[in-house]
């Protein structure tokens, strides 16, 4: 496969996963806003959401003061924000259009349909907008899984999904560190169960957590579920396993290993050997930050090994 085609497929899925994460982060902020505030209050909560989304600087430069309506517009609709839902869907569609013959009709229709529908949406109903985004991204992912040949193009699409998802899950979980924990407590402290349930719901993991652990919403168990439980499709360990799997497939298909493959296998080994008690004791934020950095370095190695670079 040409590296340019691989690049477009890879970024197509990264942008769709990023759009979903922006919607999930906004729902975290919305639900936190419905709870009695602790610490610095609503302004601090939304500021933490913007920081986790990686758009705090851009928002401050454009809007200045924290305002929920302005944040909704900036994160969902504002094309000046490269990580907004609108920007991500448009860029995913552009990448698919560039390699139109490399994606199935069903994948293109799902992407193009989302782009066309978004043009008719307006701010004002944040829960609806977030649910809409999640539905559209699920349609695209379902079309990929159900209609694309599972060849090297599929591997690059999957790499885009799992590298982005790993980064995003770590960032959403880090919101808990900054917002959901009382300001005087470290990771693993006693928190209200509803706050932890909010985090699980934001990742569509509430029911699956209940299936796995029952009704015991202990912080350590929730952290374990989101980091180390490989059966959870949004856990860091699951994403690391899938990233390693698809890079190993590419190495076999092309008859050549890569630095990215070596890094992915190393990251997987480190996460798989981790113990949640040690993660909490050493600092949840520190672990997540280290993971985000390593995952970012891995993504760069994928670009260096197979692609032209960020797009």
C-alpha atoms as a PDB file:
ATOM      1  CA  UNK A   1       0.000   0.000   0.000  1.00  0.00           C
ATOM      2  CA  UNK A   2       1.236   3.513  -0.810  1.00  0.00           C
ATOM      3  CA  UNK A   3       2.244   5.461   2.287  1.00  0.00           C
ATOM      4  CA  UNK A   4      -0.044   8.320   1.245  1.00  0.00           C
ATOM      5  CA  UNK A   5      -3.050   5.986   1.169  1.00  0.00           C
ATOM      6  CA  UNK A   6      -2.078   4.481   4.516  1.00  0.00           C
ATOM      7  CA  UNK A   7      -1.759   7.980   5.955  1.00  0.00           C
ATOM      8  CA  UNK A   8      -5.242   8.989   4.836  1.00  0.00           C
ATOM      9  CA  UNK A   9      -6.832   5.840   6.245  1.00  0.00           C
ATOM     10  CA  UNK A  10      -4.955   6.224   9.524  1.00  0.00           C
ATOM     11  CA  UNK A  11      -5.974   9.857  10.010  1.00  0.00           C
ATOM     12  CA  UNK A  12      -9.536   9.197   8.912  1.00  0.00           C
ATOM     13  CA  UNK A  13     -10.084   6.954  11.918  1.00  0.00           C
ATOM     14  CA  UNK A  14      -8.009   9.042  14.312  1.00  0.00           C
ATOM     15  CA  UNK A  15     -10.195  12.048  13.602  1.00  0.00           C
ATOM     16  CA  UNK A  16     -13.414  10.088  14.080  1.00  0.00           C
ATOM     17  CA  UNK A  17     -12.199   8.695  17.402  1.00  0.00           C
ATOM     18  CA  UNK A  18     -11.143  12.199  18.440  1.00  0.00           C
ATOM     19  CA  UNK A  19     -14.587  13.579  17.585  1.00  0.00           C
ATOM     20  CA  UNK A  20     -16.153  10.965  19.843  1.00  0.00           C
ATOM     21  CA  UNK A  21     -13.775  11.798  22.660  1.00  0.00           C
ATOM     22  CA  UNK A  22     -14.575  15.511  22.441  1.00  0.00           C
ATOM     23  CA  UNK A  23     -18.245  14.603  22.820  1.00  0.00           C
ATOM     24  CA  UNK A  24     -17.490  12.316  25.771  1.00  0.00           C
ATOM     25  CA  UNK A  25     -15.461  15.014  27.522  1.00  0.00           C
ATOM     26  CA  UNK A  26     -18.274  17.510  27.032  1.00  0.00           C
ATOM     27  CA  UNK A  27     -20.712  15.077  28.624  1.00  0.00           C
ATOM     28  CA  UNK A  28     -18.359  14.706  31.587  1.00  0.00           C
ATOM     29  CA  UNK A  29     -18.435  18.489  31.992  1.00  0.00           C
ATOM     30  CA  UNK A  30     -22.203  18.615  31.575  1.00  0.00           C
ATOM     31  CA  UNK A  31     -22.849  15.906  34.170  1.00  0.00           C
ATOM     32  CA  UNK A  32     -20.327  17.365  36.596  1.00  0.00           C
ATOM     33  CA  UNK A  33     -22.204  20.634  36.261  1.00  0.00           C
ATOM     34  CA  UNK A  34     -25.365  18.900  37.483  1.00  0.00           C
ATOM     35  CA  UNK A  35     -23.660  17.825  40.714  1.00  0.00           C
ATOM     36  CA  UNK A  36     -23.006  19.949  43.801  1.00  0.00           C
ATOM     37  CA  UNK A  37     -19.629  21.550  43.176  1.00  0.00           C
ATOM     38  CA  UNK A  38     -16.573  20.896  45.289  1.00  0.00           C
ATOM     39  CA  UNK A  39     -13.278  22.707  45.167  1.00  0.00           C
ATOM     40  CA  UNK A  40     -13.051  25.696  42.833  1.00  0.00           C
ATOM     41  CA  UNK A  41     -16.475  25.204  41.304  1.00  0.00           C
ATOM     42  CA  UNK A  42     -17.925  25.099  37.808  1.00  0.00           C
ATOM     43  CA  UNK A  43     -15.384  27.418  36.206  1.00  0.00           C
ATOM     44  CA  UNK A  44     -12.534  25.202  37.373  1.00  0.00           C
ATOM     45  CA  UNK A  45     -14.387  22.060  36.239  1.00  0.00           C
ATOM     46  CA  UNK A  46     -14.845  23.316  32.667  1.00  0.00           C
ATOM     47  CA  UNK A  47     -11.267  24.554  32.643  1.00  0.00           C
ATOM     48  CA  UNK A  48     -10.122  21.034  33.481  1.00  0.00           C
ATOM     49  CA  UNK A  49     -12.273  19.631  30.679  1.00  0.00           C
ATOM     50  CA  UNK A  50     -10.660  22.034  28.205  1.00  0.00           C
ATOM     51  CA  UNK A  51      -7.202  21.079  29.474  1.00  0.00           C
ATOM     52  CA  UNK A  52      -7.931  17.371  29.134  1.00  0.00           C
ATOM     53  CA  UNK A  53      -9.167  17.989  25.583  1.00  0.00           C
ATOM     54  CA  UNK A  54      -5.950  19.836  24.797  1.00  0.00           C
ATOM     55  CA  UNK A  55      -7.773  22.995  23.693  1.00  0.00           C
ATOM     56  CA  UNK A  56      -7.503  25.237  26.754  1.00  0.00           C
ATOM     57  CA  UNK A  57      -4.991  27.651  25.202  1.00  0.00           C
ATOM     58  CA  UNK A  58      -6.948  28.055  21.976  1.00  0.00           C
ATOM     59  CA  UNK A  59     -10.200  28.603  23.848  1.00  0.00           C
ATOM     60  CA  UNK A  60      -8.672  31.222  26.150  1.00  0.00           C
ATOM     61  CA  UNK A  61      -7.168  33.117  23.224  1.00  0.00           C
ATOM     62  CA  UNK A  62     -10.511  33.209  21.432  1.00  0.00           C
ATOM     63  CA  UNK A  63     -13.027  33.582  24.257  1.00  0.00           C
ATOM     64  CA  UNK A  64     -11.135  34.501  27.407  1.00  0.00           C
ATOM     65  CA  UNK A  65     -13.573  33.808  30.237  1.00  0.00           C
ATOM     66  CA  UNK A  66     -14.981  30.349  30.934  1.00  0.00           C
ATOM     67  CA  UNK A  67     -18.554  30.147  29.644  1.00  0.00           C
ATOM     68  CA  UNK A  68     -20.432  26.903  29.069  1.00  0.00           C
ATOM     69  CA  UNK A  69     -22.201  28.071  25.893  1.00  0.00           C
ATOM     70  CA  UNK A  70     -18.920  29.331  24.422  1.00  0.00           C
ATOM     71  CA  UNK A  71     -17.214  26.036  25.311  1.00  0.00           C
ATOM     72  CA  UNK A  72     -20.008  24.087  23.612  1.00  0.00           C
ATOM     73  CA  UNK A  73     -19.578  26.118  20.447  1.00  0.00           C
ATOM     74  CA  UNK A  74     -15.789  25.898  20.514  1.00  0.00           C
ATOM     75  CA  UNK A  75     -15.572  22.152  21.153  1.00  0.00           C
ATOM     76  CA  UNK A  76     -18.482  21.055  18.953  1.00  0.00           C
ATOM     77  CA  UNK A  77     -18.796  23.534  16.072  1.00  0.00           C
ATOM     78  CA  UNK A  78     -15.829  25.911  15.815  1.00  0.00           C
ATOM     79  CA  UNK A  79     -13.745  25.094  12.717  1.00  0.00           C
ATOM     80  CA  UNK A  80     -10.985  27.338  14.094  1.00  0.00           C
ATOM     81  CA  UNK A  81     -10.493  24.610  16.701  1.00  0.00           C
ATOM     82  CA  UNK A  82      -8.714  21.758  14.914  1.00  0.00           C
ATOM     83  CA  UNK A  83     -10.001  19.302  17.536  1.00  0.00           C
ATOM     84  CA  UNK A  84     -13.657  20.328  17.454  1.00  0.00           C
ATOM     85  CA  UNK A  85     -16.224  17.719  16.473  1.00  0.00           C
ATOM     86  CA  UNK A  86     -16.990  19.634  13.273  1.00  0.00           C
ATOM     87  CA  UNK A  87     -13.312  19.897  12.333  1.00  0.00           C
ATOM     88  CA  UNK A  88     -12.642  16.230  13.078  1.00  0.00           C
ATOM     89  CA  UNK A  89     -15.588  14.968  11.040  1.00  0.00           C
ATOM     90  CA  UNK A  90     -14.693  17.265   8.136  1.00  0.00           C
ATOM     91  CA  UNK A  91     -11.062  16.129   8.174  1.00  0.00           C
ATOM     92  CA  UNK A  92     -12.039  12.471   8.421  1.00  0.00           C
ATOM     93  CA  UNK A  93     -14.295  12.932   5.399  1.00  0.00           C
ATOM     94  CA  UNK A  94     -11.557  14.761   3.476  1.00  0.00           C
ATOM     95  CA  UNK A  95      -9.115  11.923   4.156  1.00  0.00           C
ATOM     96  CA  UNK A  96     -11.667   9.351   2.997  1.00  0.00           C
ATOM     97  CA  UNK A  97     -12.475  11.363  -0.130  1.00  0.00           C
ATOM     98  CA  UNK A  98      -8.775  11.541  -1.025  1.00  0.00           C
ATOM     99  CA  UNK A  99      -8.594   7.730  -1.066  1.00  0.00           C
ATOM    100  CA  UNK A 100     -12.207   7.119  -2.045  1.00  0.00           C
ATOM    101  CA  UNK A 101     -11.385   3.851  -3.840  1.00  0.00           C
ATOM    102  CA  UNK A 102      -9.729   2.463  -0.676  1.00  0.00           C
ATOM    103  CA  UNK A 103     -12.904   2.637   1.438  1.00  0.00           C
ATOM    104  CA  UNK A 104     -16.179   0.839   0.867  1.00  0.00           C
ATOM    105  CA  UNK A 105     -19.388   2.569  -0.141  1.00  0.00           C
ATOM    106  CA  UNK A 106     -20.795   1.923   3.322  1.00  0.00           C
ATOM    107  CA  UNK A 107     -17.851   3.616   5.038  1.00  0.00           C
ATOM    108  CA  UNK A 108     -18.043   6.630   2.736  1.00  0.00           C
ATOM    109  CA  UNK A 109     -21.819   6.938   3.163  1.00  0.00           C
ATOM    110  CA  UNK A 110     -21.469   6.877   6.962  1.00  0.00           C
ATOM    111  CA  UNK A 111     -18.774   9.559   6.917  1.00  0.00           C
ATOM    112  CA  UNK A 112     -20.445  11.747   4.335  1.00  0.00           C
ATOM    113  CA  UNK A 113     -23.819  11.382   6.057  1.00  0.00           C
ATOM    114  CA  UNK A 114     -22.346  12.574   9.357  1.00  0.00           C
ATOM    115  CA  UNK A 115     -20.728  15.558   7.629  1.00  0.00           C
ATOM    116  CA  UNK A 116     -23.947  16.558   5.882  1.00  0.00           C
ATOM    117  CA  UNK A 117     -26.096  16.177   9.005  1.00  0.00           C
ATOM    118  CA  UNK A 118     -23.705  18.208  11.123  1.00  0.00           C
ATOM    119  CA  UNK A 119     -24.165  21.200   8.838  1.00  0.00           C
ATOM    120  CA  UNK A 120     -27.795  21.410   9.981  1.00  0.00           C
ATOM    121  CA  UNK A 121     -27.175  21.111  13.732  1.00  0.00           C
ATOM    122  CA  UNK A 122     -27.105  24.118  16.039  1.00  0.00           C
ATOM    123  CA  UNK A 123     -25.803  24.766  19.587  1.00  0.00           C
ATOM    124  CA  UNK A 124     -28.132  24.661  22.555  1.00  0.00           C
ATOM    125  CA  UNK A 125     -28.755  21.007  23.393  1.00  0.00           C
ATOM    126  CA  UNK A 126     -25.428  19.587  24.533  1.00  0.00           C
ATOM    127  CA  UNK A 127     -26.640  16.084  25.524  1.00  0.00           C
ATOM    128  CA  UNK A 128     -28.263  15.646  22.091  1.00  0.00           C
ATOM    129  CA  UNK A 129     -25.145  16.849  20.280  1.00  0.00           C
ATOM    130  CA  UNK A 130     -22.918  14.485  22.260  1.00  0.00           C
ATOM    131  CA  UNK A 131     -25.218  11.509  21.690  1.00  0.00           C
ATOM    132  CA  UNK A 132     -25.440  12.360  17.982  1.00  0.00           C
ATOM    133  CA  UNK A 133     -21.653  12.419  17.692  1.00  0.00           C
ATOM    134  CA  UNK A 134     -21.296   9.063  19.400  1.00  0.00           C
ATOM    135  CA  UNK A 135     -23.929   7.512  17.114  1.00  0.00           C
ATOM    136  CA  UNK A 136     -22.213   8.793  13.978  1.00  0.00           C
ATOM    137  CA  UNK A 137     -18.789   7.559  15.025  1.00  0.00           C
ATOM    138  CA  UNK A 138     -20.293   4.164  15.867  1.00  0.00           C
ATOM    139  CA  UNK A 139     -21.861   3.974  12.393  1.00  0.00           C
ATOM    140  CA  UNK A 140     -18.499   4.618  10.762  1.00  0.00           C
ATOM    141  CA  UNK A 141     -16.729   2.069  12.944  1.00  0.00           C
ATOM    142  CA  UNK A 142     -19.423  -0.519  12.269  1.00  0.00           C
ATOM    143  CA  UNK A 143     -19.154   0.046   8.520  1.00  0.00           C
ATOM    144  CA  UNK A 144     -15.377  -0.437   8.689  1.00  0.00           C
ATOM    145  CA  UNK A 145     -15.642  -3.639  10.703  1.00  0.00           C
ATOM    146  CA  UNK A 146     -18.427  -5.059   8.561  1.00  0.00           C
ATOM    147  CA  UNK A 147     -17.342  -4.140   5.032  1.00  0.00           C
ATOM    148  CA  UNK A 148     -13.601  -3.382   4.764  1.00  0.00           C
ATOM    149  CA  UNK A 149     -11.221  -6.168   3.792  1.00  0.00           C
ATOM    150  CA  UNK A 150      -9.009  -7.009   6.759  1.00  0.00           C
ATOM    151  CA  UNK A 151      -5.804  -6.255   4.914  1.00  0.00           C
ATOM    152  CA  UNK A 152      -3.088  -3.665   5.513  1.00  0.00           C
ATOM    153  CA  UNK A 153      -5.526  -0.794   4.969  1.00  0.00           C
ATOM    154  CA  UNK A 154      -7.643  -2.156   7.793  1.00  0.00           C
ATOM    155  CA  UNK A 155      -4.531  -2.354   9.978  1.00  0.00           C
ATOM    156  CA  UNK A 156      -3.801   1.340   9.419  1.00  0.00           C
ATOM    157  CA  UNK A 157      -7.424   2.237  10.187  1.00  0.00           C
ATOM    158  CA  UNK A 158      -7.246   0.191  13.366  1.00  0.00           C
ATOM    159  CA  UNK A 159      -3.971   1.807  14.394  1.00  0.00           C
ATOM    160  CA  UNK A 160      -5.610   5.198  14.032  1.00  0.00           C
ATOM    161  CA  UNK A 161      -8.484   4.133  16.244  1.00  0.00           C
ATOM    162  CA  UNK A 162      -6.469   2.495  19.009  1.00  0.00           C
ATOM    163  CA  UNK A 163      -3.646   5.020  19.276  1.00  0.00           C
ATOM    164  CA  UNK A 164      -6.200   7.816  19.501  1.00  0.00           C
ATOM    165  CA  UNK A 165      -8.422   5.866  21.888  1.00  0.00           C
ATOM    166  CA  UNK A 166      -5.545   5.088  24.238  1.00  0.00           C
ATOM    167  CA  UNK A 167      -4.615   8.756  24.401  1.00  0.00           C
ATOM    168  CA  UNK A 168      -8.202   9.805  24.889  1.00  0.00           C
ATOM    169  CA  UNK A 169      -9.069   7.269  27.596  1.00  0.00           C
ATOM    170  CA  UNK A 170      -6.017   8.376  29.551  1.00  0.00           C
ATOM    171  CA  UNK A 171      -7.092  12.021  29.198  1.00  0.00           C
ATOM    172  CA  UNK A 172     -10.694  11.349  30.237  1.00  0.00           C
ATOM    173  CA  UNK A 173      -9.455   9.386  33.256  1.00  0.00           C
ATOM    174  CA  UNK A 174      -7.135  12.254  34.117  1.00  0.00           C
ATOM    175  CA  UNK A 175     -10.176  14.545  34.306  1.00  0.00           C
ATOM    176  CA  UNK A 176     -11.161  12.433  37.288  1.00  0.00           C
ATOM    177  CA  UNK A 177      -7.853  13.203  38.891  1.00  0.00           C
ATOM    178  CA  UNK A 178      -8.306  16.946  38.527  1.00  0.00           C
ATOM    179  CA  UNK A 179     -12.073  17.324  38.842  1.00  0.00           C
ATOM    180  CA  UNK A 180     -13.819  14.352  40.401  1.00  0.00           C
ATOM    181  CA  UNK A 181     -11.454  13.893  43.314  1.00  0.00           C
ATOM    182  CA  UNK A 182     -11.760  16.299  46.221  1.00  0.00           C
ATOM    183  CA  UNK A 183      -8.913  18.787  45.995  1.00  0.00           C
ATOM    184  CA  UNK A 184      -7.283  17.564  49.206  1.00  0.00           C
ATOM    185  CA  UNK A 185      -7.053  13.909  48.182  1.00  0.00           C
ATOM    186  CA  UNK A 186      -4.672  11.897  46.026  1.00  0.00           C
ATOM    187  CA  UNK A 187      -5.705   9.265  43.511  1.00  0.00           C
ATOM    188  CA  UNK A 188      -7.501   6.406  45.182  1.00  0.00           C
ATOM    189  CA  UNK A 189      -9.122   8.530  47.881  1.00  0.00           C
ATOM    190  CA  UNK A 190     -12.727   8.269  48.981  1.00  0.00           C
ATOM    191  CA  UNK A 191     -15.102   9.882  46.497  1.00  0.00           C
ATOM    192  CA  UNK A 192     -18.821   9.938  45.982  1.00  0.00           C
ATOM    193  CA  UNK A 193     -20.017   6.935  43.965  1.00  0.00           C
ATOM    194  CA  UNK A 194     -22.075   9.111  41.654  1.00  0.00           C
ATOM    195  CA  UNK A 195     -18.933  10.905  40.513  1.00  0.00           C
ATOM    196  CA  UNK A 196     -17.286   7.628  39.558  1.00  0.00           C
ATOM    197  CA  UNK A 197     -20.443   6.433  37.805  1.00  0.00           C
ATOM    198  CA  UNK A 198     -20.355   9.685  35.810  1.00  0.00           C
ATOM    199  CA  UNK A 199     -16.866   8.797  34.619  1.00  0.00           C
ATOM    200  CA  UNK A 200     -17.943   5.281  33.628  1.00  0.00           C
ATOM    201  CA  UNK A 201     -20.982   6.584  31.763  1.00  0.00           C
ATOM    202  CA  UNK A 202     -18.844   9.083  29.868  1.00  0.00           C
ATOM    203  CA  UNK A 203     -16.879   6.109  28.469  1.00  0.00           C
ATOM    204  CA  UNK A 204     -19.988   3.952  27.856  1.00  0.00           C
ATOM    205  CA  UNK A 205     -18.547   1.568  30.430  1.00  0.00           C
ATOM    206  CA  UNK A 206     -21.127   1.685  33.227  1.00  0.00           C
ATOM    207  CA  UNK A 207     -23.004  -1.497  32.386  1.00  0.00           C
ATOM    208  CA  UNK A 208     -19.897  -3.448  31.399  1.00  0.00           C
ATOM    209  CA  UNK A 209     -18.274  -2.451  34.699  1.00  0.00           C
ATOM    210  CA  UNK A 210     -21.353  -3.715  36.554  1.00  0.00           C
ATOM    211  CA  UNK A 211     -21.156  -7.022  34.655  1.00  0.00           C
ATOM    212  CA  UNK A 212     -17.512  -7.360  35.677  1.00  0.00           C
ATOM    213  CA  UNK A 213     -17.461  -6.083  39.261  1.00  0.00           C
ATOM    214  CA  UNK A 214     -21.080  -5.883  40.350  1.00  0.00           C
ATOM    215  CA  UNK A 215     -22.243  -2.801  42.209  1.00  0.00           C
ATOM    216  CA  UNK A 216     -19.004  -2.124  44.054  1.00  0.00           C
ATOM    217  CA  UNK A 217     -17.889   1.235  42.627  1.00  0.00           C
ATOM    218  CA  UNK A 218     -14.614   1.297  44.510  1.00  0.00           C
ATOM    219  CA  UNK A 219     -12.181   3.800  42.958  1.00  0.00           C
ATOM    220  CA  UNK A 220      -9.441   1.172  42.690  1.00  0.00           C
ATOM    221  CA  UNK A 221     -11.727  -1.204  40.801  1.00  0.00           C
ATOM    222  CA  UNK A 222     -12.870   1.498  38.402  1.00  0.00           C
ATOM    223  CA  UNK A 223      -9.284   2.560  37.751  1.00  0.00           C
ATOM    224  CA  UNK A 224      -8.370  -1.089  37.161  1.00  0.00           C
ATOM    225  CA  UNK A 225     -11.264  -1.488  34.731  1.00  0.00           C
ATOM    226  CA  UNK A 226     -10.249   1.553  32.697  1.00  0.00           C
ATOM    227  CA  UNK A 227      -6.527   0.830  32.709  1.00  0.00           C
ATOM    228  CA  UNK A 228      -5.782  -2.888  33.082  1.00  0.00           C
ATOM    229  CA  UNK A 229      -8.912  -4.896  32.239  1.00  0.00           C
ATOM    230  CA  UNK A 230      -8.253  -6.221  28.738  1.00  0.00           C
ATOM    231  CA  UNK A 231     -11.914  -7.189  28.236  1.00  0.00           C
ATOM    232  CA  UNK A 232     -12.901  -3.514  28.378  1.00  0.00           C
ATOM    233  CA  UNK A 233     -12.590  -2.157  24.801  1.00  0.00           C
ATOM    234  CA  UNK A 234     -11.668   1.300  26.119  1.00  0.00           C
ATOM    235  CA  UNK A 235      -9.084   0.178  28.649  1.00  0.00           C
ATOM    236  CA  UNK A 236      -5.502   1.280  28.108  1.00  0.00           C
ATOM    237  CA  UNK A 237      -4.340  -2.340  28.121  1.00  0.00           C
ATOM    238  CA  UNK A 238      -6.843  -3.311  25.425  1.00  0.00           C
ATOM    239  CA  UNK A 239      -5.748  -0.428  23.191  1.00  0.00           C
ATOM    240  CA  UNK A 240      -2.088  -1.320  23.738  1.00  0.00           C
ATOM    241  CA  UNK A 241      -2.796  -4.951  22.816  1.00  0.00           C
ATOM    242  CA  UNK A 242      -4.631  -3.991  19.634  1.00  0.00           C
ATOM    243  CA  UNK A 243      -1.938  -1.514  18.606  1.00  0.00           C
ATOM    244  CA  UNK A 244       0.731  -4.162  19.073  1.00  0.00           C
ATOM    245  CA  UNK A 245      -1.369  -6.733  17.207  1.00  0.00           C
ATOM    246  CA  UNK A 246      -1.858  -4.573  14.121  1.00  0.00           C
ATOM    247  CA  UNK A 247       1.783  -3.477  14.001  1.00  0.00           C
ATOM    248  CA  UNK A 248       2.854  -7.116  14.245  1.00  0.00           C
ATOM    249  CA  UNK A 249       0.463  -7.921  11.370  1.00  0.00           C
ATOM    250  CA  UNK A 250       2.006  -5.180   9.255  1.00  0.00           C
ATOM    251  CA  UNK A 251       5.507  -6.419  10.035  1.00  0.00           C
ATOM    252  CA  UNK A 252       4.558  -9.912   8.863  1.00  0.00           C
ATOM    253  CA  UNK A 253       2.734  -8.602   5.774  1.00  0.00           C
ATOM    254  CA  UNK A 254       5.642  -6.420   4.693  1.00  0.00           C
ATOM    255  CA  UNK A 255       8.360  -8.822   5.826  1.00  0.00           C
ATOM    256  CA  UNK A 256      10.096  -6.166   7.882  1.00  0.00           C
ATOM    257  CA  UNK A 257       9.928  -5.092  11.511  1.00  0.00           C
ATOM    258  CA  UNK A 258       9.832  -1.445  12.531  1.00  0.00           C
ATOM    259  CA  UNK A 259      10.752   0.750  15.444  1.00  0.00           C
ATOM    260  CA  UNK A 260       7.043   1.320  15.996  1.00  0.00           C
ATOM    261  CA  UNK A 261       6.491  -2.427  16.391  1.00  0.00           C
ATOM    262  CA  UNK A 262       9.267  -2.650  18.984  1.00  0.00           C
ATOM    263  CA  UNK A 263       7.889   0.327  20.915  1.00  0.00           C
ATOM    264  CA  UNK A 264       4.343  -1.020  20.830  1.00  0.00           C
ATOM    265  CA  UNK A 265       5.416  -4.395  22.182  1.00  0.00           C
ATOM    266  CA  UNK A 266       7.420  -2.675  24.914  1.00  0.00           C
ATOM    267  CA  UNK A 267       4.522  -0.425  25.933  1.00  0.00           C
ATOM    268  CA  UNK A 268       2.183  -3.414  25.999  1.00  0.00           C
ATOM    269  CA  UNK A 269       4.576  -5.357  28.246  1.00  0.00           C
ATOM    270  CA  UNK A 270       4.855  -2.468  30.705  1.00  0.00           C
ATOM    271  CA  UNK A 271       1.114  -1.935  30.961  1.00  0.00           C
ATOM    272  CA  UNK A 272       0.366  -5.664  31.178  1.00  0.00           C
ATOM    273  CA  UNK A 273       2.802  -6.062  34.079  1.00  0.00           C
ATOM    274  CA  UNK A 274       1.446  -3.063  36.014  1.00  0.00           C
ATOM    275  CA  UNK A 275      -0.519  -3.510  39.233  1.00  0.00           C
ATOM    276  CA  UNK A 276      -3.298  -1.065  40.042  1.00  0.00           C
ATOM    277  CA  UNK A 277      -2.218  -0.779  43.680  1.00  0.00           C
ATOM    278  CA  UNK A 278       1.237   0.343  42.563  1.00  0.00           C
ATOM    279  CA  UNK A 279      -0.236   2.786  40.042  1.00  0.00           C
ATOM    280  CA  UNK A 280      -2.386   4.399  42.739  1.00  0.00           C
ATOM    281  CA  UNK A 281       0.451   4.461  45.265  1.00  0.00           C
ATOM    282  CA  UNK A 282       2.923   6.025  42.827  1.00  0.00           C
ATOM    283  CA  UNK A 283       0.373   8.529  41.534  1.00  0.00           C
ATOM    284  CA  UNK A 284      -2.448   8.027  39.041  1.00  0.00           C
ATOM    285  CA  UNK A 285      -1.751  11.321  37.273  1.00  0.00           C
ATOM    286  CA  UNK A 286       1.925  10.485  36.915  1.00  0.00           C
ATOM    287  CA  UNK A 287       1.135   7.081  35.401  1.00  0.00           C
ATOM    288  CA  UNK A 288      -1.379   8.560  32.963  1.00  0.00           C
ATOM    289  CA  UNK A 289       0.956  11.349  31.932  1.00  0.00           C
ATOM    290  CA  UNK A 290       3.770   8.871  31.269  1.00  0.00           C
ATOM    291  CA  UNK A 291       1.422   6.680  29.248  1.00  0.00           C
ATOM    292  CA  UNK A 292       0.232   9.642  27.159  1.00  0.00           C
ATOM    293  CA  UNK A 293       3.832  10.602  26.394  1.00  0.00           C
ATOM    294  CA  UNK A 294       4.817   7.036  25.421  1.00  0.00           C
ATOM    295  CA  UNK A 295       1.688   6.606  23.324  1.00  0.00           C
ATOM    296  CA  UNK A 296       2.462   9.863  21.544  1.00  0.00           C
ATOM    297  CA  UNK A 297       6.010   8.732  20.836  1.00  0.00           C
ATOM    298  CA  UNK A 298       4.624   5.482  19.460  1.00  0.00           C
ATOM    299  CA  UNK A 299       2.252   7.380  17.165  1.00  0.00           C
ATOM    300  CA  UNK A 300       5.210   9.394  15.876  1.00  0.00           C
ATOM    301  CA  UNK A 301       7.109   6.189  15.198  1.00  0.00           C
ATOM    302  CA  UNK A 302       4.151   4.843  13.216  1.00  0.00           C
ATOM    303  CA  UNK A 303       4.262   8.015  11.124  1.00  0.00           C
ATOM    304  CA  UNK A 304       8.030   7.740  10.668  1.00  0.00           C
ATOM    305  CA  UNK A 305       7.845   4.058   9.740  1.00  0.00           C
ATOM    306  CA  UNK A 306       4.847   4.012   7.425  1.00  0.00           C
ATOM    307  CA  UNK A 307       3.335   7.453   6.844  1.00  0.00           C
ATOM    308  CA  UNK A 308       4.304  10.922   5.740  1.00  0.00           C
ATOM    309  CA  UNK A 309       3.430  12.477   9.106  1.00  0.00           C
ATOM    310  CA  UNK A 310       0.626  14.424  10.862  1.00  0.00           C
ATOM    311  CA  UNK A 311      -2.128  15.590   8.550  1.00  0.00           C
END
